[in-house]
PDB file of N, CA and C in Angstrom:
ATOM      1  N   MET A   1     100.300 106.076 104.345  1.00  0.00           N
ATOM      2  CA  MET A   1      99.995 105.374 103.059  1.00  0.00           C
ATOM      3  C   MET A   1      98.715 106.669 102.974  1.00  0.00           C
ATOM      4  N   GLY A   2      98.696 107.862 101.856  1.00  0.00           N
ATOM      5  CA  GLY A   2      97.693 108.513 101.954  1.00  0.00           C
ATOM      6  C   GLY A   2      96.387 107.808 101.120  1.00  0.00           C
ATOM      7  N   THR A   3      95.282 107.707 101.674  1.00  0.00           N
ATOM      8  CA  THR A   3      93.711 107.371 101.234  1.00  0.00           C
ATOM      9  C   THR A   3      93.292 108.168 100.729  1.00  0.00           C
ATOM     10  N   VAL A   4      92.827 107.838  99.677  1.00  0.00           N
ATOM     11  CA  VAL A   4      91.540 108.763  98.849  1.00  0.00           C
ATOM     12  C   VAL A   4      90.284 108.825  99.003  1.00  0.00           C
ATOM     13  N   VAL A   5      89.775 109.711  99.926  1.00  0.00           N
ATOM     14  CA  VAL A   5      88.129 109.796 100.283  1.00  0.00           C
ATOM     15  C   VAL A   5      87.157 109.727  99.284  1.00  0.00           C
ATOM     16  N   ALA A   6      86.006 108.734  98.911  1.00  0.00           N
ATOM     17  CA  ALA A   6      85.163 109.075  98.005  1.00  0.00           C
ATOM     18  C   ALA A   6      84.744 110.568  97.850  1.00  0.00           C
ATOM     19  N   ASN A   7      84.573 111.135  99.257  1.00  0.00           N
ATOM     20  CA  ASN A   7      83.722 112.420  99.135  1.00  0.00           C
ATOM     21  C   ASN A   7      84.920 113.368  98.606  1.00  0.00           C
ATOM     22  N   ASN A   8      86.299 112.855  98.758  1.00  0.00           N
ATOM     23  CA  ASN A   8      87.088 113.881  98.256  1.00  0.00           C
ATOM     24  C   ASN A   8      87.353 114.062  96.368  1.00  0.00           C
ATOM     25  N   LEU A   9      86.619 112.845  96.075  1.00  0.00           N
ATOM     26  CA  LEU A   9      86.903 112.536  94.597  1.00  0.00           C
ATOM     27  C   LEU A   9      85.183 113.323  93.960  1.00  0.00           C
ATOM     28  N   LYS A  10      84.603 113.402  95.045  1.00  0.00           N
ATOM     29  CA  LYS A  10      83.308 113.922  94.550  1.00  0.00           C
ATOM     30  C   LYS A  10      83.640 115.633  94.343  1.00  0.00           C
ATOM     31  N   THR A  11      84.252 115.935  95.148  1.00  0.00           N
ATOM     32  CA  THR A  11      84.646 117.605  95.407  1.00  0.00           C
ATOM     33  C   THR A  11      85.746 118.077  94.719  1.00  0.00           C
ATOM     34  N   LYS A  12      86.802 117.328  94.616  1.00  0.00           N
ATOM     35  CA  LYS A  12      88.092 117.696  93.908  1.00  0.00           C
ATOM     36  C   LYS A  12      88.398 116.629  92.589  1.00  0.00           C
ATOM     37  N   GLY A  13      87.855 115.904  92.304  1.00  0.00           N
ATOM     38  CA  GLY A  13      87.565 114.995  91.233  1.00  0.00           C
ATOM     39  C   GLY A  13      89.253 114.102  90.987  1.00  0.00           C
ATOM     40  N   ILE A  14      89.787 114.595  90.085  1.00  0.00           N
ATOM     41  CA  ILE A  14      90.687 113.817  89.156  1.00  0.00           C
ATOM     42  C   ILE A  14      92.011 114.543  90.105  1.00  0.00           C
ATOM     43  N   LYS A  15      91.921 115.632  90.962  1.00  0.00           N
ATOM     44  CA  LYS A  15      93.170 116.438  91.515  1.00  0.00           C
ATOM     45  C   LYS A  15      93.015 115.667  92.850  1.00  0.00           C
ATOM     46  N   ALA A  16      92.399 114.739  93.685  1.00  0.00           N
ATOM     47  CA  ALA A  16      92.111 114.106  94.475  1.00  0.00           C
ATOM     48  C   ALA A  16      93.154 113.198  94.376  1.00  0.00           C
ATOM     49  N   ILE A  17      92.954 112.421  93.541  1.00  0.00           N
ATOM     50  CA  ILE A  17      94.002 111.419  92.624  1.00  0.00           C
ATOM     51  C   ILE A  17      95.501 112.088  92.561  1.00  0.00           C
ATOM     52  N   GLU A  18      95.387 112.979  91.593  1.00  0.00           N
ATOM     53  CA  GLU A  18      96.896 113.248  91.262  1.00  0.00           C
ATOM     54  C   GLU A  18      97.822 113.519  92.886  1.00  0.00           C
ATOM     55  N   GLU A  19      97.087 114.382  93.966  1.00  0.00           N
ATOM     56  CA  GLU A  19      97.645 114.925  95.026  1.00  0.00           C
ATOM     57  C   GLU A  19      98.246 113.462  95.721  1.00  0.00           C
ATOM     58  N   ALA A  20      97.461 111.945  96.101  1.00  0.00           N
ATOM     59  CA  ALA A  20      97.574 111.151  96.484  1.00  0.00           C
ATOM     60  C   ALA A  20      98.616 110.560  95.895  1.00  0.00           C
ATOM     61  N   LEU A  21      98.972 110.385  94.774  1.00  0.00           N
ATOM     62  CA  LEU A  21      99.813 109.675  94.073  1.00  0.00           C
ATOM     63  C   LEU A  21     101.380 110.807  93.893  1.00  0.00           C
ATOM     64  N   LEU A  22     101.465 112.229  94.050  1.00  0.00           N
ATOM     65  CA  LEU A  22     102.645 112.574  94.514  1.00  0.00           C
ATOM     66  C   LEU A  22     103.701 112.147  95.362  1.00  0.00           C
ATOM     67  N   ASP A  23     103.280 111.589  96.412  1.00  0.00           N
ATOM     68  CA  ASP A  23     104.333 110.578  97.322  1.00  0.00           C
ATOM     69  C   ASP A  23     104.351 109.073  97.041  1.00  0.00           C
ATOM     70  N   GLN A  24     103.107 108.664  96.310  1.00  0.00           N
ATOM     71  CA  GLN A  24     103.157 107.101  96.590  1.00  0.00           C
ATOM     72  C   GLN A  24     102.847 106.714  95.010  1.00  0.00           C
ATOM     73  N   LEU A  25     103.246 105.074  95.218  1.00  0.00           N
ATOM     74  CA  LEU A  25     103.176 104.774  93.607  1.00  0.00           C
ATOM     75  C   LEU A  25     101.468 104.760  93.206  1.00  0.00           C
ATOM     76  N   GLU A  26     101.093 104.084  94.683  1.00  0.00           N
ATOM     77  CA  GLU A  26      99.543 103.601  94.402  1.00  0.00           C
ATOM     78  C   GLU A  26      98.780 104.269  95.626  1.00  0.00           C
ATOM     79  N   ALA A  27      97.618 104.371  95.722  1.00  0.00           N
ATOM     80  CA  ALA A  27      96.756 104.746  96.396  1.00  0.00           C
ATOM     81  C   ALA A  27      95.443 104.267  96.877  1.00  0.00           C
ATOM     82  N   PRO A  28      95.054 104.273  97.848  1.00  0.00           N
ATOM     83  CA  PRO A  28      93.552 103.464  97.972  1.00  0.00           C
ATOM     84  C   PRO A  28      92.381 104.616  98.028  1.00  0.00           C
ATOM     85  N   VAL A  29      91.459 104.110  97.652  1.00  0.00           N
ATOM     86  CA  VAL A  29      90.325 105.155  97.621  1.00  0.00           C
ATOM     87  C   VAL A  29      89.277 104.137  98.524  1.00  0.00           C
ATOM     88  N   SER A  30      88.891 104.562  99.651  1.00  0.00           N
ATOM     89  CA  SER A  30      87.912 104.636 100.572  1.00  0.00           C
ATOM     90  C   SER A  30      86.534 104.979 100.276  1.00  0.00           C
ATOM     91  N   VAL A  31      85.699 104.212 100.929  1.00  0.00           N
ATOM     92  CA  VAL A  31      84.522 104.570 100.394  1.00  0.00           C
ATOM     93  C   VAL A  31      83.573 103.779 102.094  1.00  0.00           C
ATOM     94  N   ARG A  32      83.170 105.196 102.623  1.00  0.00           N
ATOM     95  CA  ARG A  32      82.253 104.791 104.006  1.00  0.00           C
ATOM     96  C   ARG A  32      83.407 104.085 104.829  1.00  0.00           C
ATOM     97  N   GLY A  33      84.633 104.604 104.853  1.00  0.00           N
ATOM     98  CA  GLY A  33      85.091 104.175 105.921  1.00  0.00           C
ATOM     99  C   GLY A  33      86.395 102.746 105.280  1.00  0.00           C
ATOM    100  N   GLN A  34      86.051 102.258 104.279  1.00  0.00           N
ATOM    101  CA  GLN A  34      86.411 101.217 103.966  1.00  0.00           C
ATOM    102  C   GLN A  34      87.203 101.251 102.699  1.00  0.00           C
ATOM    103  N   VAL A  35      88.381 100.796 102.386  1.00  0.00           N
ATOM    104  CA  VAL A  35      89.454 100.726 100.783  1.00  0.00           C
ATOM    105  C   VAL A  35      88.671  99.534  99.937  1.00  0.00           C
ATOM    106  N   LYS A  36      87.781 100.212  99.376  1.00  0.00           N
ATOM    107  CA  LYS A  36      87.770  99.641  97.607  1.00  0.00           C
ATOM    108  C   LYS A  36      88.304  99.348  96.477  1.00  0.00           C
ATOM    109  N   TYR A  37      89.102 100.293  96.588  1.00  0.00           N
ATOM    110  CA  TYR A  37      89.277 100.572  95.571  1.00  0.00           C
ATOM    111  C   TYR A  37      90.908 100.895  95.426  1.00  0.00           C
ATOM    112  N   VAL A  38      91.924 100.773  94.412  1.00  0.00           N
ATOM    113  CA  VAL A  38      93.388 101.326  94.337  1.00  0.00           C
ATOM    114  C   VAL A  38      93.703 101.957  92.763  1.00  0.00           C
ATOM    115  N   VAL A  39      94.294 103.321  93.415  1.00  0.00           N
ATOM    116  CA  VAL A  39      94.183 104.297  91.946  1.00  0.00           C
ATOM    117  C   VAL A  39      96.180 104.208  91.511  1.00  0.00           C
ATOM    118  N   MET A  40      96.155 103.898  90.626  1.00  0.00           N
ATOM    119  CA  MET A  40      97.837 104.282  90.425  1.00  0.00           C
ATOM    120  C   MET A  40      97.515 104.917  88.661  1.00  0.00           C
ATOM    121  N   SER A  41      99.350 105.361  88.726  1.00  0.00           N
ATOM    122  CA  SER A  41      99.028 105.600  87.527  1.00  0.00           C
ATOM    123  C   SER A  41      99.397 104.479  85.869  1.00  0.00           C
ATOM    124  N   GLN A  42      98.953 105.480  84.692  1.00  0.00           N
ATOM    125  CA  GLN A  42      99.222 104.106  84.031  1.00  0.00           C
ATOM    126  C   GLN A  42     100.518 103.511  84.057  1.00  0.00           C
ATOM    127  N   GLU A  43     101.439 104.362  83.781  1.00  0.00           N
ATOM    128  CA  GLU A  43     102.904 103.592  84.419  1.00  0.00           C
ATOM    129  C   GLU A  43     103.285 102.576  85.126  1.00  0.00           C
ATOM    130  N   GLN A  44     102.692 103.301  86.661  1.00  0.00           N
ATOM    131  CA  GLN A  44     102.754 101.839  86.950  1.00  0.00           C
ATOM    132  C   GLN A  44     101.830 100.376  87.323  1.00  0.00           C
ATOM    133  N   TYR A  45     100.905 100.767  86.308  1.00  0.00           N
ATOM    134  CA  TYR A  45     100.002 100.066  85.987  1.00  0.00           C
ATOM    135  C   TYR A  45     100.801  99.069  84.966  1.00  0.00           C
ATOM    136  N   GLN A  46     100.824  99.628  84.015  1.00  0.00           N
ATOM    137  CA  GLN A  46     101.822  99.030  83.029  1.00  0.00           C
ATOM    138  C   GLN A  46     102.746  98.161  83.605  1.00  0.00           C
ATOM    139  N   TYR A  47     103.655  98.444  83.798  1.00  0.00           N
ATOM    140  CA  TYR A  47     104.798  98.032  85.077  1.00  0.00           C
ATOM    141  C   TYR A  47     104.223  96.851  85.711  1.00  0.00           C
ATOM    142  N   LEU A  48     103.238  97.061  86.850  1.00  0.00           N
ATOM    143  CA  LEU A  48     102.474  95.460  87.117  1.00  0.00           C
ATOM    144  C   LEU A  48     102.010  94.563  86.298  1.00  0.00           C
ATOM    145  N   ARG A  49     101.695  95.094  85.438  1.00  0.00           N
ATOM    146  CA  ARG A  49     101.129  93.951  84.292  1.00  0.00           C
ATOM    147  C   ARG A  49     102.544  93.583  83.681  1.00  0.00           C
ATOM    148  N   GLU A  50     103.374  93.986  83.228  1.00  0.00           N
ATOM    149  CA  GLU A  50     104.700  93.204  83.046  1.00  0.00           C
ATOM    150  C   GLU A  50     105.437  92.462  83.925  1.00  0.00           C
ATOM    151  N   CYS A  51     105.132  92.627  85.305  1.00  0.00           N
ATOM    152  CA  CYS A  51     105.774  91.784  86.430  1.00  0.00           C
ATOM    153  C   CYS A  51     104.809  90.228  86.542  1.00  0.00           C
ATOM    154  N   GLU A  52     103.763  90.878  86.049  1.00  0.00           N
ATOM    155  CA  GLU A  52     102.721  89.626  86.013  1.00  0.00           C
ATOM    156  C   GLU A  52     103.137  88.667  84.703  1.00  0.00           C
ATOM    157  N   LEU A  53     103.464  89.242  83.454  1.00  0.00           N
ATOM    158  CA  LEU A  53     103.534  88.305  82.106  1.00  0.00           C
ATOM    159  C   LEU A  53     105.129  87.940  82.591  1.00  0.00           C
ATOM    160  N   GLU A  54     106.271  88.424  83.108  1.00  0.00           N
ATOM    161  CA  GLU A  54     107.255  87.588  83.452  1.00  0.00           C
ATOM    162  C   GLU A  54     106.996  86.622  83.893  1.00  0.00           C
ATOM    163  N   ALA A  55     106.093  86.641  85.535  1.00  0.00           N
ATOM    164  CA  ALA A  55     105.952  85.555  86.115  1.00  0.00           C
ATOM    165  C   ALA A  55     105.496  84.419  85.710  1.00  0.00           C
ATOM    166  N   ALA A  56     104.512  85.138  84.685  1.00  0.00           N
ATOM    167  CA  ALA A  56     103.671  83.517  83.945  1.00  0.00           C
ATOM    168  C   ALA A  56     104.628  82.545  83.066  1.00  0.00           C
ATOM    169  N   LEU A  57     105.077  83.464  82.176  1.00  0.00           N
ATOM    170  CA  LEU A  57     106.826  83.235  81.660  1.00  0.00           C
ATOM    171  C   LEU A  57     107.544  82.330  82.121  1.00  0.00           C
ATOM    172  N   ALA A  58     108.056  82.814  83.757  1.00  0.00           N
ATOM    173  CA  ALA A  58     108.738  82.210  84.338  1.00  0.00           C
ATOM    174  C   ALA A  58     108.630  81.051  84.935  1.00  0.00           C
ATOM    175  N   GLU A  59     107.073  80.810  84.951  1.00  0.00           N
ATOM    176  CA  GLU A  59     106.374  79.832  85.365  1.00  0.00           C
ATOM    177  C   GLU A  59     106.187  78.354  84.413  1.00  0.00           C
ATOM    178  N   SER A  60     106.510  79.153  83.177  1.00  0.00           N
ATOM    179  CA  SER A  60     106.145  78.256  82.231  1.00  0.00           C
ATOM    180  C   SER A  60     107.310  77.769  81.720  1.00  0.00           C
ATOM    181  N   ARG A  61     108.642  78.602  81.804  1.00  0.00           N
ATOM    182  CA  ARG A  61     109.737  77.779  81.176  1.00  0.00           C
ATOM    183  C   ARG A  61     110.024  76.752  82.518  1.00  0.00           C
ATOM    184  N   ALA A  62     109.731  77.204  83.915  1.00  0.00           N
ATOM    185  CA  ALA A  62     110.001  76.191  85.067  1.00  0.00           C
ATOM    186  C   ALA A  62     109.415  74.844  84.861  1.00  0.00           C
ATOM    187  N   ASP A  63     107.900  74.891  84.246  1.00  0.00           N
ATOM    188  CA  ASP A  63     107.090  73.766  83.693  1.00  0.00           C
ATOM    189  C   ASP A  63     107.589  73.086  82.501  1.00  0.00           C
ATOM    190  N   LEU A  64     108.328  73.932  81.971  1.00  0.00           N
ATOM    191  CA  LEU A  64     108.755  72.806  80.235  1.00  0.00           C
ATOM    192  C   LEU A  64     109.980  72.553  81.256  1.00  0.00           C
ATOM    193  N   ALA A  65     111.020  72.927  81.746  1.00  0.00           N
ATOM    194  CA  ALA A  65     111.966  72.546  82.157  1.00  0.00           C
ATOM    195  C   ALA A  65     111.675  71.506  83.007  1.00  0.00           C
ATOM    196  N   GLY A  66     110.876  70.923  83.542  1.00  0.00           N
ATOM    197  CA  GLY A  66     110.402  69.916  84.655  1.00  0.00           C
ATOM    198  C   GLY A  66     110.174  68.617  83.913  1.00  0.00           C
ATOM    199  N   GLY A  67     109.725  69.405  82.687  1.00  0.00           N
ATOM    200  CA  GLY A  67     108.860  67.999  82.202  1.00  0.00           C
ATOM    201  C   GLY A  67     107.511  67.933  82.533  1.00  0.00           C
ATOM    202  N   ARG A  68     106.578  69.312  82.978  1.00  0.00           N
ATOM    203  CA  ARG A  68     105.364  69.261  83.275  1.00  0.00           C
ATOM    204  C   ARG A  68     104.470  69.955  82.377  1.00  0.00           C
ATOM    205  N   PHE A  69     104.366  69.054  81.536  1.00  0.00           N
ATOM    206  CA  PHE A  69     103.882  69.483  79.622  1.00  0.00           C
ATOM    207  C   PHE A  69     103.303  68.606  79.319  1.00  0.00           C
ATOM    208  N   VAL A  70     102.428  68.759  78.404  1.00  0.00           N
ATOM    209  CA  VAL A  70     101.638  67.646  77.252  1.00  0.00           C
ATOM    210  C   VAL A  70     101.909  68.368  76.159  1.00  0.00           C
ATOM    211  N   LYS A  71     102.188  66.901  75.412  1.00  0.00           N
ATOM    212  CA  LYS A  71     102.371  67.548  73.648  1.00  0.00           C
ATOM    213  C   LYS A  71     101.514  66.738  73.110  1.00  0.00           C
ATOM    214  N   GLU A  72      99.922  67.138  72.594  1.00  0.00           N
ATOM    215  CA  GLU A  72      99.174  66.794  71.963  1.00  0.00           C
ATOM    216  C   GLU A  72      98.629  67.412  70.677  1.00  0.00           C
ATOM    217  N   THR A  73      97.913  66.929  69.998  1.00  0.00           N
ATOM    218  CA  THR A  73      96.877  67.610  68.977  1.00  0.00           C
ATOM    219  C   THR A  73      96.082  68.616  69.295  1.00  0.00           C
ATOM    220  N   VAL A  74      95.446  69.225  68.362  1.00  0.00           N
ATOM    221  CA  VAL A  74      94.282  70.097  68.892  1.00  0.00           C
ATOM    222  C   VAL A  74      92.807  68.727  69.704  1.00  0.00           C
ATOM    223  N   ALA A  75      92.838  68.075  68.360  1.00  0.00           N
ATOM    224  CA  ALA A  75      91.765  66.733  68.655  1.00  0.00           C
ATOM    225  C   ALA A  75      92.117  66.145  70.093  1.00  0.00           C
ATOM    226  N   GLN A  76      93.137  65.856  70.605  1.00  0.00           N
ATOM    227  CA  GLN A  76      93.390  65.129  71.743  1.00  0.00           C
ATOM    228  C   GLN A  76      93.046  65.804  72.740  1.00  0.00           C
ATOM    229  N   HIS A  77      94.084  67.209  72.781  1.00  0.00           N
ATOM    230  CA  HIS A  77      93.405  67.941  73.872  1.00  0.00           C
ATOM    231  C   HIS A  77      91.720  68.184  74.028  1.00  0.00           C
ATOM    232  N   ILE A  78      91.222  68.534  72.997  1.00  0.00           N
ATOM    233  CA  ILE A  78      89.523  68.851  73.332  1.00  0.00           C
ATOM    234  C   ILE A  78      89.144  67.535  73.811  1.00  0.00           C
ATOM    235  N   LYS A  79      89.547  66.418  73.521  1.00  0.00           N
ATOM    236  CA  LYS A  79      88.856  65.288  73.903  1.00  0.00           C
ATOM    237  C   LYS A  79      89.521  64.807  75.550  1.00  0.00           C
ATOM    238  N   ARG A  80      90.829  65.495  75.967  1.00  0.00           N
ATOM    239  CA  ARG A  80      90.891  65.745  77.090  1.00  0.00           C
ATOM    240  C   ARG A  80      90.326  66.783  78.061  1.00  0.00           C
ATOM    241  N   LEU A  81      90.327  67.593  77.460  1.00  0.00           N
ATOM    242  CA  LEU A  81      89.402  68.652  78.139  1.00  0.00           C
ATOM    243  C   LEU A  81      87.854  68.417  78.687  1.00  0.00           C
ATOM    244  N   LYS A  82      87.205  67.792  77.508  1.00  0.00           N
ATOM    245  CA  LYS A  82      86.206  66.931  77.524  1.00  0.00           C
ATOM    246  C   LYS A  82      85.747  65.666  79.050  1.00  0.00           C
ATOM    247  N   GLN A  83      87.185  65.182  79.116  1.00  0.00           N
ATOM    248  CA  GLN A  83      87.356  63.853  80.232  1.00  0.00           C
ATOM    249  C   GLN A  83      87.900  64.793  80.930  1.00  0.00           C
ATOM    250  N   ILE A  84      87.839  65.785  81.543  1.00  0.00           N
ATOM    251  CA  ILE A  84      88.133  66.551  82.474  1.00  0.00           C
ATOM    252  C   ILE A  84      87.014  66.933  83.005  1.00  0.00           C
ATOM    253  N   ASN A  85      86.225  67.676  82.099  1.00  0.00           N
ATOM    254  CA  ASN A  85      84.687  68.496  82.368  1.00  0.00           C
ATOM    255  C   ASN A  85      83.908  67.334  82.569  1.00  0.00           C
ATOM    256  N   LYS A  86      83.868  66.261  82.293  1.00  0.00           N
ATOM    257  CA  LYS A  86      82.762  65.034  82.974  1.00  0.00           C
ATOM    258  C   LYS A  86      83.288  64.596  84.192  1.00  0.00           C
ATOM    259  N   SER A  87      84.381  64.733  84.690  1.00  0.00           N
ATOM    260  CA  SER A  87      85.032  64.125  86.284  1.00  0.00           C
ATOM    261  C   SER A  87      84.302  65.240  86.897  1.00  0.00           C
ATOM    262  N   ALA A  88      84.811  66.286  86.777  1.00  0.00           N
ATOM    263  CA  ALA A  88      84.614  67.517  87.585  1.00  0.00           C
ATOM    264  C   ALA A  88      82.841  67.892  87.896  1.00  0.00           C
TER     265      ALA A  88
END
């Protein structure tokens, strides 16, 4: 995996990122020999966000199907949250 070295960012700028992303979807950015960041295209970022949302939706659907939910009014919900916070 082609790592973008922080010093290359200083000298090459965005070109260093563009070069790293030519043959991979994500590129780690190394600062003083340690990977600190990961860069990717906007399209890849959007794809990952959509995957997260799909996973959350699937989890919610599974909770609904499994009966793991609470049906309550706003007032009841606030009261339950206050009770949870007191016991925490």
